[in-house]
Amino acid sequence: MTISVWSGRSDIQAAGSVIEKVDDVCYLGNYLSSNGSCKKDVKVRIGKATAVFSKMRKIWKTTTLA
C-alpha cells in the first residue's frame, strides 16, 4: 500500500465555509486516520468488546441452570 501525505496549507471550502482538517474521523463506526494508521480503530474496537464481555461476566459465572 502506498500512502502519500499532502502537506499543502491551502484551505478547502464547501458552501462558503472552510473545512477543518482533522487527524482522525469516525465514519460508519470505523475510525479513519489521515496517515492510514488503524491504531485508533483497533483500540476503540477492543474497548467496545471489553465493555460487552464485562457486562456478560455475570451470565458466564452463573452455576445454576434455568
N, C-alpha and C. Protein backbone atom coordinates (compact mmCIF):
# COMPACT_ATOMS: atom_id res chain seq x y z
N MET A 1 0.84 -1.17 0.00
CA MET A 1 0.00 0.00 0.00
C MET A 1 0.89 1.23 0.00
N THR A 2 0.54 2.16 -0.82
CA THR A 2 1.27 3.42 -0.88
C THR A 2 0.45 4.51 -0.24
N ILE A 3 1.08 5.23 0.67
CA ILE A 3 0.40 6.33 1.35
C ILE A 3 1.14 7.61 1.01
N SER A 4 0.42 8.55 0.48
CA SER A 4 1.03 9.84 0.21
C SER A 4 0.36 10.87 1.11
N VAL A 5 1.16 11.69 1.72
CA VAL A 5 0.65 12.71 2.63
C VAL A 5 0.80 14.06 1.96
N TRP A 6 -0.30 14.77 1.86
CA TRP A 6 -0.29 16.09 1.26
C TRP A 6 -0.01 17.09 2.35
N SER A 7 1.01 17.90 2.18
CA SER A 7 1.39 18.85 3.23
C SER A 7 1.06 20.28 2.85
N GLY A 8 0.19 20.47 1.89
CA GLY A 8 -0.21 21.81 1.48
C GLY A 8 -0.99 22.52 2.58
N ARG A 9 -0.98 23.81 2.55
CA ARG A 9 -1.65 24.59 3.58
C ARG A 9 -2.89 25.30 3.07
N SER A 10 -3.29 25.10 1.82
CA SER A 10 -4.47 25.80 1.32
C SER A 10 -5.72 25.21 1.96
N ASP A 11 -6.67 26.08 2.25
CA ASP A 11 -7.90 25.65 2.89
C ASP A 11 -8.87 25.11 1.85
N ILE A 12 -9.66 24.13 2.26
CA ILE A 12 -10.71 23.58 1.42
C ILE A 12 -12.03 24.20 1.86
N GLN A 13 -12.80 24.66 0.92
CA GLN A 13 -14.06 25.30 1.25
C GLN A 13 -15.22 24.56 0.61
N ALA A 14 -16.34 24.51 1.34
CA ALA A 14 -17.57 23.93 0.82
C ALA A 14 -18.72 24.82 1.27
N ALA A 15 -19.51 25.25 0.35
CA ALA A 15 -20.66 26.13 0.63
C ALA A 15 -20.22 27.38 1.37
N GLY A 16 -19.05 27.89 1.04
CA GLY A 16 -18.56 29.12 1.64
C GLY A 16 -17.94 28.97 3.01
N SER A 17 -17.88 27.75 3.55
CA SER A 17 -17.28 27.50 4.86
C SER A 17 -15.98 26.73 4.70
N VAL A 18 -15.01 27.03 5.53
CA VAL A 18 -13.73 26.33 5.50
C VAL A 18 -13.88 24.99 6.20
N ILE A 19 -13.43 23.93 5.56
CA ILE A 19 -13.48 22.58 6.13
C ILE A 19 -12.28 22.39 7.05
N GLU A 20 -12.55 21.97 8.27
CA GLU A 20 -11.48 21.76 9.25
C GLU A 20 -10.72 20.48 8.94
N LYS A 21 -9.38 20.54 9.00
CA LYS A 21 -8.55 19.35 8.81
C LYS A 21 -8.40 18.65 10.15
N VAL A 22 -8.70 17.36 10.19
CA VAL A 22 -8.59 16.58 11.41
C VAL A 22 -7.69 15.38 11.16
N ASP A 23 -7.13 14.82 12.22
CA ASP A 23 -6.25 13.66 12.10
C ASP A 23 -7.05 12.36 11.99
N ASP A 24 -8.16 12.26 12.73
CA ASP A 24 -8.99 11.06 12.73
C ASP A 24 -10.44 11.46 12.56
N VAL A 25 -11.21 10.59 11.90
CA VAL A 25 -12.64 10.82 11.76
C VAL A 25 -13.35 9.48 11.88
N CYS A 26 -14.50 9.48 12.54
CA CYS A 26 -15.30 8.27 12.67
C CYS A 26 -16.35 8.28 11.57
N TYR A 27 -16.32 7.27 10.71
CA TYR A 27 -17.25 7.15 9.60
C TYR A 27 -17.84 5.75 9.61
N LEU A 28 -19.15 5.67 9.79
CA LEU A 28 -19.87 4.39 9.86
C LEU A 28 -19.27 3.46 10.91
N GLY A 29 -18.86 4.03 12.04
CA GLY A 29 -18.34 3.23 13.15
C GLY A 29 -16.87 2.87 13.05
N ASN A 30 -16.21 3.26 11.98
CA ASN A 30 -14.78 2.97 11.82
C ASN A 30 -14.00 4.27 11.87
N TYR A 31 -12.85 4.24 12.51
CA TYR A 31 -12.01 5.42 12.58
C TYR A 31 -11.03 5.42 11.43
N LEU A 32 -11.06 6.49 10.66
CA LEU A 32 -10.15 6.66 9.54
C LEU A 32 -9.12 7.70 9.93
N SER A 33 -7.86 7.41 9.68
CA SER A 33 -6.77 8.29 10.05
C SER A 33 -6.17 8.94 8.81
N SER A 34 -5.71 10.16 8.96
CA SER A 34 -5.13 10.87 7.82
C SER A 34 -3.83 10.24 7.35
N ASN A 35 -3.15 9.47 8.23
CA ASN A 35 -1.89 8.85 7.83
C ASN A 35 -2.05 7.36 7.48
N GLY A 36 -3.28 6.86 7.46
CA GLY A 36 -3.53 5.47 7.09
C GLY A 36 -3.40 4.48 8.22
N SER A 37 -3.12 4.94 9.42
CA SER A 37 -2.96 4.05 10.57
C SER A 37 -4.32 3.54 11.04
N CYS A 38 -4.34 2.34 11.59
CA CYS A 38 -5.58 1.78 12.11
C CYS A 38 -5.51 1.60 13.63
N LYS A 39 -4.52 2.20 14.29
CA LYS A 39 -4.35 2.02 15.74
C LYS A 39 -5.57 2.46 16.52
N LYS A 40 -6.12 3.64 16.21
CA LYS A 40 -7.27 4.15 16.96
C LYS A 40 -8.48 3.25 16.74
N ASP A 41 -8.70 2.80 15.53
CA ASP A 41 -9.84 1.93 15.23
C ASP A 41 -9.73 0.63 16.02
N VAL A 42 -8.55 0.05 16.08
CA VAL A 42 -8.34 -1.20 16.81
C VAL A 42 -8.57 -0.97 18.32
N LYS A 43 -8.05 0.13 18.86
CA LYS A 43 -8.24 0.42 20.28
C LYS A 43 -9.71 0.60 20.63
N VAL A 44 -10.45 1.30 19.77
CA VAL A 44 -11.88 1.51 20.02
C VAL A 44 -12.63 0.18 19.97
N ARG A 45 -12.33 -0.65 18.99
CA ARG A 45 -13.00 -1.95 18.88
C ARG A 45 -12.70 -2.84 20.08
N ILE A 46 -11.45 -2.85 20.54
CA ILE A 46 -11.10 -3.65 21.72
C ILE A 46 -11.83 -3.12 22.94
N GLY A 47 -11.92 -1.80 23.07
CA GLY A 47 -12.64 -1.20 24.20
C GLY A 47 -14.12 -1.57 24.20
N LYS A 48 -14.75 -1.55 23.03
CA LYS A 48 -16.16 -1.92 22.94
C LYS A 48 -16.36 -3.40 23.28
N ALA A 49 -15.48 -4.25 22.79
CA ALA A 49 -15.58 -5.68 23.08
C ALA A 49 -15.37 -5.94 24.57
N THR A 50 -14.42 -5.25 25.18
CA THR A 50 -14.16 -5.41 26.61
C THR A 50 -15.38 -5.01 27.43
N ALA A 51 -16.04 -3.93 27.03
CA ALA A 51 -17.23 -3.48 27.75
C ALA A 51 -18.35 -4.51 27.67
N VAL A 52 -18.56 -5.10 26.50
CA VAL A 52 -19.61 -6.09 26.34
C VAL A 52 -19.28 -7.35 27.11
N PHE A 53 -18.03 -7.80 27.04
CA PHE A 53 -17.64 -9.01 27.76
C PHE A 53 -17.76 -8.83 29.27
N SER A 54 -17.43 -7.64 29.77
CA SER A 54 -17.54 -7.42 31.21
C SER A 54 -18.99 -7.41 31.66
N LYS A 55 -19.91 -6.95 30.81
CA LYS A 55 -21.34 -6.99 31.14
C LYS A 55 -21.86 -8.42 31.17
N MET A 56 -21.25 -9.30 30.38
CA MET A 56 -21.70 -10.69 30.30
C MET A 56 -21.06 -11.58 31.36
N ARG A 57 -20.13 -11.06 32.13
CA ARG A 57 -19.41 -11.85 33.12
C ARG A 57 -20.36 -12.54 34.10
N LYS A 58 -21.40 -11.81 34.53
CA LYS A 58 -22.36 -12.37 35.49
C LYS A 58 -23.06 -13.59 34.89
N ILE A 59 -23.39 -13.53 33.63
CA ILE A 59 -24.06 -14.65 32.97
C ILE A 59 -23.13 -15.84 32.86
N TRP A 60 -21.88 -15.61 32.51
CA TRP A 60 -20.94 -16.71 32.33
C TRP A 60 -20.57 -17.39 33.64
N LYS A 61 -20.58 -16.63 34.73
CA LYS A 61 -20.17 -17.19 36.02
C LYS A 61 -21.29 -17.88 36.77
N THR A 62 -22.52 -17.81 36.28
CA THR A 62 -23.63 -18.46 36.98
C THR A 62 -23.46 -19.97 36.95
N THR A 63 -23.82 -20.61 38.04
CA THR A 63 -23.68 -22.06 38.14
C THR A 63 -25.03 -22.76 38.10
N THR A 64 -26.10 -21.97 38.10
CA THR A 64 -27.44 -22.57 38.05
C THR A 64 -27.92 -22.65 36.61
N LEU A 65 -28.70 -23.68 36.35
CA LEU A 65 -29.29 -23.84 35.03
C LEU A 65 -30.73 -23.39 35.08
N ALA A 66 -31.16 -22.71 34.07
CA ALA A 66 -32.53 -22.22 34.05
C ALA A 66 -33.47 -23.24 33.47
